[in-house]
C-alpha cells in the first residue's frame, strides 16, 4: 500500500504538464464550442423569427384585403336592399343604381335584383335582372335569370336566393354560376314589402353582389411566400374554397378529409383552427415531399373563412456559407473536446500500447465522422451564389408554377403558354446495394 502511494506521488513533471494541457484544451474547446453553438442557434433563430413575423404579417394583410372586398360587397347589397324596402329607389331606377355600384368597384364581378314570384308584376311570375362583367374590358352585360333557370325552385341549389328569403342576409358557399360563367361567392340581402292591413313585412326579393373566386385567387397567388410556397382558402367547416390542387375544390373536400387521405395530423389541427376562427403558425413536415415547412393560418374578417399559407423552409434566404462555416467550427471544437477528454480519461501513458491504441481508434473515429459531416454539409448546404430552383413534387406546387407563368404572360400581353405533360417511364429498377438503385 505504501509502495502504491509512493508511485502515485512520483508522477513525472512532464506527465503532470501533459494532463494540465489536456484539461486546458478540454475546457477551452467546451467553452468555445458552446459559444459557437449558441451563436449558430441564435443566428438561425433571428432569421426564423424575422421570416415568421413577415409571413404572419403578409398573411394577415392578405386576409384583411379579402375581408375588405367582402365587406364592400356586403355593404353595397344591404344598402340597395334597404333602399328598395323603404321605396327610396323605384323599379325604373334600381337597375341604374345596381349598375353604378358594380361599375364603381373593380372587385365586384356581378350583381342581381331578383324578385319573389309576382312581386315585381302581378302578371309576371319571376323577374330578375343580373349584371355581370365580360371580357378583359369589364363591360357590364345584362341578363334575365328567369330565362336561364328558376331560381326559386326548391332543391335547385340556388342558395343565393332561397336561403336569404327564408333566413335573412348571408354569404353563399362558392358555386359555379350558369349566368356569370364563373366560380363565385355571393352576398345576398333580402328586401321587403309591407302587407296592406297587417303592416307585416314580407320578403319581396333579394339583392346580390357577386365576388368571382378568381379575384380571391389572384390575391393569394401574388403573395410572396417563397418559390415553393402556396396558399389555400377554406370555409369555417374546412371545405376548400381555393387550393392549387383544384381537385380539392372541385370535389369539395374538407381539410380533415385531405388529412385522413394523406395521414397528416397537422391538417386536423388546421381544421380545428379554422372552425374556431383562430390564427397561428405551426411547424409541418410534408407527408408528400418530406419538406419542412410552416403553416400560417389567419381568419378572414366578415366571412369566417380561413386563409392558410404554406412556406417551405428551404426557400429561406439564408447565407448558407455563414451557416456552413459555423457548423464546421462547432465540429472542430467538438472533435478537440472529445479527443482531449478521452485522453484525460485514459490518463495517457506512453508506456501502455493498449491505451495508445484505444486513443488512436477514438481519434480516427472522430476524424472520419468529421469528414462525413463535412461531406454532408457540402451536399446539403449549397453556396449562396447557387440559383434557387423550384422542386415540383406534387400537384399543388405544379399548379402554383403554371399560374405564375400565366400571370407573367398576361402582364406582358404575350400569348398564353403551352404546357406539355411529361413524365418518366420506368422500365426496370434494381437495388444494387442498400443505398444504390439502378433505374432504366
Protein backbone atom coordinates (compact mmCIF):
# COMPACT_ATOMS: atom_id res chain seq x y z
CA UNK A 1 0.00 0.00 0.00
CA UNK A 2 2.77 2.39 0.89
CA UNK A 3 4.54 1.48 -2.35
CA UNK A 4 1.44 2.34 -4.43
CA UNK A 5 1.05 5.72 -2.76
CA UNK A 6 4.69 6.41 -3.35
CA UNK A 7 4.32 5.58 -7.08
CA UNK A 8 1.33 7.91 -7.36
CA UNK A 9 3.22 10.73 -5.71
CA UNK A 10 6.19 10.28 -8.03
CA UNK A 11 4.41 11.11 -11.30
CA UNK A 12 6.89 12.81 -13.62
CA UNK A 13 6.59 16.56 -14.16
CA UNK A 14 6.17 16.03 -17.93
CA UNK A 15 3.05 13.91 -17.37
CA UNK A 16 1.61 16.45 -14.95
CA UNK A 17 2.20 19.10 -17.58
CA UNK A 18 0.53 16.94 -20.24
CA UNK A 19 -2.54 16.41 -18.05
CA UNK A 20 -2.83 20.10 -17.44
CA UNK A 21 -2.56 20.80 -21.17
CA UNK A 22 -5.29 18.21 -21.87
CA UNK A 23 -7.52 19.70 -19.19
CA UNK A 24 -6.92 23.19 -20.63
CA UNK A 25 -7.88 22.09 -24.15
CA UNK A 26 -10.93 20.22 -22.81
CA UNK A 27 -12.25 23.29 -21.02
CA UNK A 28 -11.26 25.69 -23.83
CA UNK A 29 -12.92 23.61 -26.57
CA UNK A 30 -16.02 23.15 -24.40
CA UNK A 31 -16.36 26.90 -23.79
CA UNK A 32 -15.51 27.76 -27.40
CA UNK A 33 -17.86 25.12 -28.82
CA UNK A 34 -20.70 26.15 -26.51
CA UNK A 35 -20.29 29.76 -27.61
CA UNK A 36 -20.26 28.80 -31.27
CA UNK A 37 -23.34 26.59 -30.84
CA UNK A 38 -25.23 29.40 -29.15
CA UNK A 39 -24.17 31.86 -31.86
CA UNK A 40 -25.27 29.42 -34.57
CA UNK A 41 -28.63 28.77 -32.88
CA UNK A 42 -29.17 32.49 -32.24
CA UNK A 43 -28.31 33.35 -35.85
CA UNK A 44 -30.84 30.86 -37.23
CA UNK A 45 -33.44 31.84 -34.64
CA UNK A 46 -33.19 35.51 -35.65
CA UNK A 47 -33.68 34.57 -39.30
CA UNK A 48 -36.61 32.27 -38.44
CA UNK A 49 -38.22 34.86 -36.17
CA UNK A 50 -37.92 37.62 -38.76
CA UNK A 51 -39.33 35.37 -41.50
CA UNK A 52 -42.18 34.14 -39.30
CA UNK A 53 -43.11 37.73 -38.48
CA UNK A 54 -43.01 38.64 -42.20
CA UNK A 55 -45.18 35.66 -43.14
CA UNK A 56 -47.69 36.33 -40.36
CA UNK A 57 -47.92 39.99 -41.39
CA UNK A 58 -48.20 39.03 -45.07
CA UNK A 59 -50.98 36.54 -44.37
CA UNK A 60 -52.81 38.93 -42.06
CA UNK A 61 -52.70 41.72 -44.67
CA UNK A 62 -53.96 39.37 -47.39
CA UNK A 63 -56.75 38.26 -45.09
CA UNK A 64 -57.69 41.90 -44.47
CA UNK A 65 -57.61 42.62 -48.20
CA UNK A 66 -60.02 39.75 -48.87
CA UNK A 67 -62.14 40.93 -45.94
CA UNK A 68 -62.34 44.46 -47.38
CA UNK A 69 -63.64 43.07 -50.67
CA UNK A 70 -66.27 41.03 -48.85
CA UNK A 71 -67.20 43.95 -46.58
CA UNK A 72 -67.71 46.23 -49.59
CA UNK A 73 -69.97 43.64 -51.23
CA UNK A 74 -71.95 43.21 -48.01
CA UNK A 75 -72.39 46.97 -47.54
CA UNK A 76 -73.46 47.56 -51.17
CA UNK A 77 -76.03 44.75 -51.19
CA UNK A 78 -77.53 45.72 -47.83
CA UNK A 79 -77.70 49.43 -48.76
CA UNK A 80 -79.57 48.77 -52.00
CA UNK A 81 -81.89 46.25 -50.29
CA UNK A 82 -82.68 48.81 -47.60
CA UNK A 83 -83.47 51.48 -50.22
CA UNK A 84 -85.78 49.07 -52.06
CA UNK A 85 -87.55 48.20 -48.79
CA UNK A 86 -88.03 51.87 -47.98
CA UNK A 87 -89.06 52.63 -51.59
CA UNK A 88 -86.21 55.12 -51.92
CA UNK A 89 -85.34 53.56 -55.27
CA UNK A 90 -88.03 52.98 -57.86
CA UNK A 91 -88.22 49.98 -60.16
CA UNK A 92 -87.01 52.05 -63.07
CA UNK A 93 -84.01 53.46 -61.19
CA UNK A 94 -82.96 50.31 -59.36
CA UNK A 95 -81.05 48.85 -62.32
CA UNK A 96 -79.16 52.11 -62.83
CA UNK A 97 -78.27 52.07 -59.14
CA UNK A 98 -77.06 48.45 -59.31
CA UNK A 99 -75.10 49.12 -62.47
CA UNK A 100 -73.32 52.10 -60.89
CA UNK A 101 -72.42 50.06 -57.79
CA UNK A 102 -70.84 47.35 -59.96
CA UNK A 103 -69.08 49.80 -62.27
CA UNK A 104 -67.53 51.70 -59.35
CA UNK A 105 -65.93 48.61 -57.78
CA UNK A 106 -63.48 46.55 -59.81
CA UNK A 107 -63.66 43.69 -57.31
CA UNK A 108 -67.37 43.08 -57.94
CA UNK A 109 -67.98 40.55 -60.69
CA UNK A 110 -71.73 40.95 -60.92
CA UNK A 111 -74.97 41.58 -59.11
CA UNK A 112 -78.68 40.94 -59.34
CA UNK A 113 -82.04 42.13 -58.12
CA UNK A 114 -84.24 39.04 -58.02
CA UNK A 115 -87.92 39.40 -57.13
CA UNK A 116 -90.08 36.82 -55.41
CA UNK A 117 -92.92 35.32 -57.51
CA UNK A 118 -95.38 38.01 -58.69
CA UNK A 119 -93.70 40.72 -56.55
CA UNK A 120 -92.37 42.73 -59.47
CA UNK A 121 -95.55 42.46 -61.54
CA UNK A 122 -98.80 40.65 -60.59
CA UNK A 123 -98.91 39.34 -64.18
CA UNK A 124 -95.33 38.07 -64.21
CA UNK A 125 -94.20 35.14 -62.08
CA UNK A 126 -90.45 35.86 -61.97
CA UNK A 127 -88.34 38.88 -62.69
CA UNK A 128 -84.61 39.12 -62.09
CA UNK A 129 -82.07 41.41 -63.72
CA UNK A 130 -78.46 40.33 -63.50
CA UNK A 131 -75.37 42.31 -64.48
CA UNK A 132 -72.05 40.53 -64.98
CA UNK A 133 -68.69 41.74 -66.24
CA UNK A 134 -67.50 40.33 -69.52
CA UNK A 135 -64.05 40.05 -71.07
CA UNK A 136 -60.89 41.92 -70.10
CA UNK A 137 -62.61 45.30 -70.53
CA UNK A 138 -65.08 44.51 -67.73
CA UNK A 139 -68.07 45.61 -69.77
CA UNK A 140 -71.34 45.02 -67.88
CA UNK A 141 -73.75 42.65 -69.61
CA UNK A 142 -77.42 42.44 -68.60
CA UNK A 143 -79.13 39.04 -68.34
CA UNK A 144 -82.58 37.88 -67.30
CA UNK A 145 -82.12 35.00 -64.86
CA UNK A 146 -85.70 33.77 -65.24
CA UNK A 147 -84.85 32.96 -68.87
CA UNK A 148 -81.94 30.77 -67.75
CA UNK A 149 -83.26 28.94 -64.68
CA UNK A 150 -85.92 29.02 -61.97
CA UNK A 151 -84.02 30.45 -59.03
CA UNK A 152 -86.97 29.88 -56.64
CA UNK A 153 -87.29 26.12 -57.20
CA UNK A 154 -86.86 24.08 -54.01
CA UNK A 155 -83.79 21.87 -54.04
CA UNK A 156 -82.47 23.73 -57.07
CA UNK A 157 -79.20 24.51 -55.32
CA UNK A 158 -79.53 28.27 -55.84
CA UNK A 159 -78.81 29.11 -52.23
CA UNK A 160 -78.05 32.71 -53.11
CA UNK A 161 -81.84 33.25 -53.34
CA UNK A 162 -83.64 30.53 -51.36
CA UNK A 163 -81.67 30.76 -48.11
CA UNK A 164 -81.77 34.59 -47.71
CA UNK A 165 -85.51 34.62 -48.46
CA UNK A 166 -86.02 32.07 -45.68
CA UNK A 167 -83.44 33.23 -43.15
CA UNK A 168 -82.03 36.67 -43.93
CA UNK A 169 -78.83 38.03 -45.42
CA UNK A 170 -75.84 35.71 -45.80
CA UNK A 171 -72.84 34.62 -47.84
CA UNK A 172 -73.35 31.67 -50.13
CA UNK A 173 -70.92 28.81 -50.42
CA UNK A 174 -68.85 29.23 -53.60
CA UNK A 175 -70.60 27.76 -56.63
CA UNK A 176 -70.47 27.67 -60.43
CA UNK A 177 -72.87 30.26 -61.78
CA UNK A 178 -74.52 29.48 -65.10
CA UNK A 179 -75.27 33.11 -65.89
CA UNK A 180 -71.92 34.54 -64.91
CA UNK A 181 -69.99 31.53 -66.22
CA UNK A 182 -67.52 31.60 -63.36
CA UNK A 183 -66.86 30.16 -59.92
CA UNK A 184 -68.11 32.73 -57.43
CA UNK A 185 -69.42 33.52 -53.99
CA UNK A 186 -72.45 35.75 -53.46
CA UNK A 187 -73.68 38.00 -50.68
CA UNK A 188 -77.48 38.21 -50.66
CA UNK A 189 -79.59 40.73 -48.76
CA UNK A 190 -83.39 40.40 -48.85
CA UNK A 191 -85.67 43.39 -49.29
CA UNK A 192 -89.27 43.53 -48.09
CA UNK A 193 -92.71 44.93 -48.79
CA UNK A 194 -95.32 45.79 -46.16
CA UNK A 195 -98.50 43.76 -46.37
CA UNK A 196 -101.58 46.01 -46.56
CA UNK A 197 -103.74 45.80 -43.46
CA UNK A 198 -101.35 43.88 -41.22
CA UNK A 199 -98.36 46.15 -41.91
CA UNK A 200 -96.25 42.99 -41.76
CA UNK A 201 -93.01 42.86 -43.75
CA UNK A 202 -92.96 40.11 -46.36
CA UNK A 203 -89.88 39.08 -48.41
CA UNK A 204 -90.11 40.71 -51.80
CA UNK A 205 -86.78 39.58 -53.27
CA UNK A 206 -83.02 39.73 -52.81
CA UNK A 207 -80.17 41.97 -53.87
CA UNK A 208 -76.93 40.13 -54.61
CA UNK A 209 -73.32 41.12 -55.16
CA UNK A 210 -71.03 38.51 -56.67
CA UNK A 211 -67.34 38.13 -55.99
CA UNK A 212 -65.54 35.96 -58.53
CA UNK A 213 -63.22 33.48 -56.81
CA UNK A 214 -60.71 34.45 -59.49
CA UNK A 215 -60.34 37.76 -57.61
CA UNK A 216 -59.57 35.91 -54.37
CA UNK A 217 -57.27 33.54 -56.24
CA UNK A 218 -55.24 36.46 -57.64
CA UNK A 219 -54.71 37.88 -54.16
CA UNK A 220 -53.48 34.54 -52.79
CA UNK A 221 -51.27 33.67 -55.77
CA UNK A 222 -49.44 37.00 -55.71
CA UNK A 223 -48.29 36.56 -52.11
CA UNK A 224 -44.53 36.36 -51.62
CA UNK A 225 -44.37 33.01 -49.82
CA UNK A 226 -41.27 31.58 -51.46
CA UNK A 227 -40.60 29.74 -54.69
CA UNK A 228 -42.27 26.53 -53.48
CA UNK A 229 -44.88 28.02 -51.13
CA UNK A 230 -48.58 28.22 -51.83
CA UNK A 231 -51.80 29.46 -50.26
CA UNK A 232 -55.23 27.95 -49.66
CA UNK A 233 -58.62 29.23 -48.52
CA UNK A 234 -61.26 27.25 -46.66
CA UNK A 235 -64.67 27.84 -45.12
CA UNK A 236 -65.22 27.68 -41.39
CA UNK A 237 -66.21 24.00 -41.67
CA UNK A 238 -62.94 23.30 -43.53
CA UNK A 239 -64.25 22.98 -47.10
CA UNK A 240 -61.64 24.21 -49.56
CA UNK A 241 -62.64 27.35 -51.48
CA UNK A 242 -59.25 27.67 -53.16
CA UNK A 243 -56.27 25.35 -53.38
CA UNK A 244 -53.58 24.98 -56.07
CA UNK A 245 -54.69 21.36 -56.34
CA UNK A 246 -58.06 22.18 -57.89
CA UNK A 247 -59.35 18.65 -57.27
CA UNK A 248 -59.80 19.61 -53.60
CA UNK A 249 -62.14 22.45 -54.62
CA UNK A 250 -63.93 20.58 -57.37
CA UNK A 251 -64.69 17.62 -55.10
CA UNK A 252 -65.49 19.98 -52.17
CA UNK A 253 -63.04 18.17 -49.93
CA UNK A 254 -62.51 19.36 -46.37
CA UNK A 255 -59.21 19.88 -44.58
CA UNK A 256 -59.99 16.93 -42.30
CA UNK A 257 -60.74 14.66 -45.27
CA UNK A 258 -57.47 15.54 -47.01
CA UNK A 259 -55.69 14.98 -43.69
CA UNK A 260 -57.19 11.49 -43.49
CA UNK A 261 -56.25 10.69 -47.09
CA UNK A 262 -52.67 11.83 -46.53
CA UNK A 263 -52.35 10.59 -42.92
CA UNK A 264 -51.45 14.15 -41.94
CA UNK A 265 -52.35 15.02 -38.32
CA UNK A 266 -51.32 18.66 -38.83
CA UNK A 267 -54.29 19.19 -41.14
CA UNK A 268 -56.59 18.16 -38.30
CA UNK A 269 -55.03 20.93 -36.22
CA UNK A 270 -55.52 23.39 -39.11
CA UNK A 271 -59.18 22.30 -39.38
CA UNK A 272 -59.70 22.98 -35.66
CA UNK A 273 -58.14 26.44 -36.04
CA UNK A 274 -60.46 27.18 -38.98
CA UNK A 275 -63.52 26.05 -37.00
CA UNK A 276 -62.53 28.19 -34.00
CA UNK A 277 -61.59 31.19 -36.22
CA UNK A 278 -58.05 31.15 -34.83
CA UNK A 279 -54.75 32.47 -36.18
CA UNK A 280 -51.33 30.96 -35.71
CA UNK A 281 -48.31 29.24 -37.20
CA UNK A 282 -47.29 25.60 -36.81
CA UNK A 283 -44.29 23.54 -37.88
CA UNK A 284 -45.11 20.96 -40.52
CA UNK A 285 -43.36 18.23 -42.49
CA UNK A 286 -45.00 17.41 -45.82
CA UNK A 287 -46.29 13.86 -46.00
CA UNK A 288 -45.75 14.01 -49.78
CA UNK A 289 -42.28 15.52 -50.14
CA UNK A 290 -40.80 15.33 -46.64
CA UNK A 291 -40.05 19.07 -46.82
CA UNK A 292 -40.05 21.01 -43.54
CA UNK A 293 -42.40 23.98 -43.68
CA UNK A 294 -44.54 26.43 -41.75
CA UNK A 295 -48.31 26.52 -41.96
CA UNK A 296 -49.63 30.04 -41.34
CA UNK A 297 -53.34 30.38 -40.59
CA UNK A 298 -55.35 33.60 -40.46
CA UNK A 299 -59.15 34.02 -40.35
CA UNK A 300 -60.78 36.28 -42.93
CA UNK A 301 -62.93 39.06 -41.42
CA UNK A 302 -66.69 39.09 -42.13
CA UNK A 303 -66.91 35.63 -43.68
CA UNK A 304 -65.25 33.43 -41.06
CA UNK A 305 -63.13 31.82 -43.80
CA UNK A 306 -59.59 30.68 -43.09
CA UNK A 307 -56.55 31.69 -45.15
CA UNK A 308 -53.70 29.18 -44.97
CA UNK A 309 -50.23 29.79 -46.39
CA UNK A 310 -47.58 27.08 -46.66
CA UNK A 311 -43.95 28.25 -46.61
CA UNK A 312 -41.16 25.76 -47.36
CA UNK A 313 -38.18 26.38 -45.05
CA UNK A 314 -35.71 25.56 -47.82
CA UNK A 315 -36.89 28.74 -49.55
CA UNK A 316 -35.46 30.88 -46.74
CA UNK A 317 -33.00 33.47 -47.98
CA UNK A 318 -30.11 32.39 -45.75
CA UNK A 319 -26.39 32.89 -46.40
CA UNK A 320 -25.54 29.19 -46.22
CA UNK A 321 -21.80 29.96 -46.34
CA UNK A 322 -22.06 31.52 -42.88
CA UNK A 323 -24.10 28.60 -41.53
CA UNK A 324 -21.74 26.05 -43.03
CA UNK A 325 -18.66 27.74 -41.56
CA UNK A 326 -20.33 27.95 -38.16
CA UNK A 327 -21.19 24.24 -38.21
CA UNK A 328 -17.63 23.32 -39.28
CA UNK A 329 -16.12 25.31 -36.40
CA UNK A 330 -18.57 23.69 -33.99
CA UNK A 331 -17.48 20.32 -35.37
CA UNK A 332 -13.77 21.16 -34.90
CA UNK A 333 -14.44 22.23 -31.31
CA UNK A 334 -16.36 19.02 -30.63
CA UNK A 335 -13.54 16.83 -32.03
CA UNK A 336 -10.92 18.66 -29.94
CA UNK A 337 -13.12 18.41 -26.84
CA UNK A 338 -13.80 14.67 -27.24
CA UNK A 339 -10.16 13.93 -28.09
CA UNK A 340 -8.80 15.83 -25.08
CA UNK A 341 -11.43 14.36 -22.76
CA UNK A 342 -10.72 10.81 -23.99
CA UNK A 343 -7.01 11.30 -23.48
CA UNK A 344 -7.61 12.63 -19.95
CA UNK A 345 -9.79 9.65 -19.05
CA UNK A 346 -7.26 7.20 -20.42
CA UNK A 347 -4.54 9.01 -18.44
CA UNK A 348 -2.17 8.93 -21.42
CA UNK A 349 0.69 6.65 -20.61
CA UNK A 350 3.35 6.37 -23.28
CA UNK A 351 4.40 3.01 -21.86
CA UNK A 352 0.95 1.49 -22.42
CA UNK A 353 0.40 0.37 -26.02
CA UNK A 354 -3.21 -0.61 -25.29
CA UNK A 355 -4.13 2.87 -24.12
CA UNK A 356 -2.42 4.43 -27.11
CA UNK A 357 -4.30 2.07 -29.47
CA UNK A 358 -7.64 2.87 -27.87
CA UNK A 359 -6.96 6.60 -28.12
CA UNK A 360 -5.88 6.22 -31.74
CA UNK A 361 -9.12 4.40 -32.57
CA UNK A 362 -11.19 7.09 -30.85
CA UNK A 363 -9.39 9.91 -32.69
CA UNK A 364 -9.69 8.07 -36.01
CA UNK A 365 -13.43 7.58 -35.48
CA UNK A 366 -13.89 11.25 -34.63
CA UNK A 367 -11.95 12.38 -37.71
CA UNK A 368 -13.88 10.03 -40.01
CA UNK A 369 -17.15 11.28 -38.51
CA UNK A 370 -15.99 14.84 -39.11
CA UNK A 371 -15.19 14.07 -42.76
CA UNK A 372 -18.64 12.52 -43.21
CA UNK A 373 -20.35 15.57 -41.67
CA UNK A 374 -18.35 17.98 -43.85
CA UNK A 375 -19.30 15.99 -46.98
CA UNK A 376 -22.91 16.05 -45.90
CA UNK A 377 -22.73 19.83 -45.42
CA UNK A 378 -21.27 20.24 -48.92
CA UNK A 379 -24.16 18.22 -50.39
CA UNK A 380 -26.99 19.85 -48.47
CA UNK A 381 -25.77 23.43 -47.92
CA UNK A 382 -25.18 24.91 -51.35
CA UNK A 383 -23.31 28.17 -51.71
CA UNK A 384 -25.28 31.38 -51.61
CA UNK A 385 -24.46 32.03 -55.28
CA UNK A 386 -26.38 28.98 -56.48
CA UNK A 387 -29.62 29.57 -58.37
CA UNK A 388 -32.79 28.82 -56.49
CA UNK A 389 -34.75 26.01 -58.09
CA UNK A 390 -38.38 25.07 -57.62
CA UNK A 391 -38.86 21.41 -56.80
CA UNK A 392 -42.09 20.17 -58.35
CA UNK A 393 -43.13 17.17 -56.30
CA UNK A 394 -46.93 17.46 -56.14
CA UNK A 395 -49.92 18.96 -57.96
CA UNK A 396 -50.11 21.98 -55.66
CA UNK A 397 -46.56 23.12 -56.49
CA UNK A 398 -47.11 22.40 -60.20
CA UNK A 399 -50.29 24.49 -60.27
CA UNK A 400 -48.53 27.36 -58.46
CA UNK A 401 -45.80 27.32 -61.11
CA UNK A 402 -48.20 27.25 -64.07
CA UNK A 403 -50.28 30.06 -62.53
CA UNK A 404 -47.16 32.22 -62.24
CA UNK A 405 -46.28 31.63 -65.89
CA UNK A 406 -49.83 32.56 -66.91
CA UNK A 407 -49.74 35.71 -64.78
CA UNK A 408 -46.41 36.86 -66.26
CA UNK A 409 -47.75 36.23 -69.77
CA UNK A 410 -50.88 38.30 -69.03
CA UNK A 411 -48.80 41.17 -67.65
CA UNK A 412 -46.59 41.11 -70.74
CA UNK A 413 -49.64 40.63 -73.00
CA UNK A 414 -47.94 37.65 -74.61
CA UNK A 415 -49.66 34.54 -75.99
CA UNK A 416 -50.77 32.03 -73.38
CA UNK A 417 -48.06 29.45 -72.56
CA UNK A 418 -48.45 25.89 -73.78
CA UNK A 419 -47.90 23.31 -71.04
CA UNK A 420 -46.84 19.88 -72.26
CA UNK A 421 -47.46 16.92 -69.91
CA UNK A 422 -44.25 14.95 -69.46
CA UNK A 423 -43.13 12.05 -67.35
CA UNK A 424 -40.67 9.21 -66.88
CA UNK A 425 -41.33 5.65 -67.96
CA UNK A 426 -39.54 3.35 -65.50
CA UNK A 427 -38.74 0.10 -67.28
CA UNK A 428 -36.65 -1.58 -64.59
CA UNK A 429 -35.45 -0.74 -61.09
CA UNK A 430 -32.73 -2.83 -59.49
CA UNK A 431 -31.35 -2.43 -55.95
CA UNK A 432 -27.58 -2.78 -56.29
CA UNK A 433 -26.92 -2.16 -52.61
CA UNK A 434 -28.67 -0.71 -49.56
CA UNK A 435 -28.01 2.83 -50.84
CA UNK A 436 -27.84 2.43 -54.64
CA UNK A 437 -30.62 1.83 -57.15
CA UNK A 438 -30.15 1.34 -60.89
CA UNK A 439 -33.10 2.61 -62.90
CA UNK A 440 -33.70 2.14 -66.63
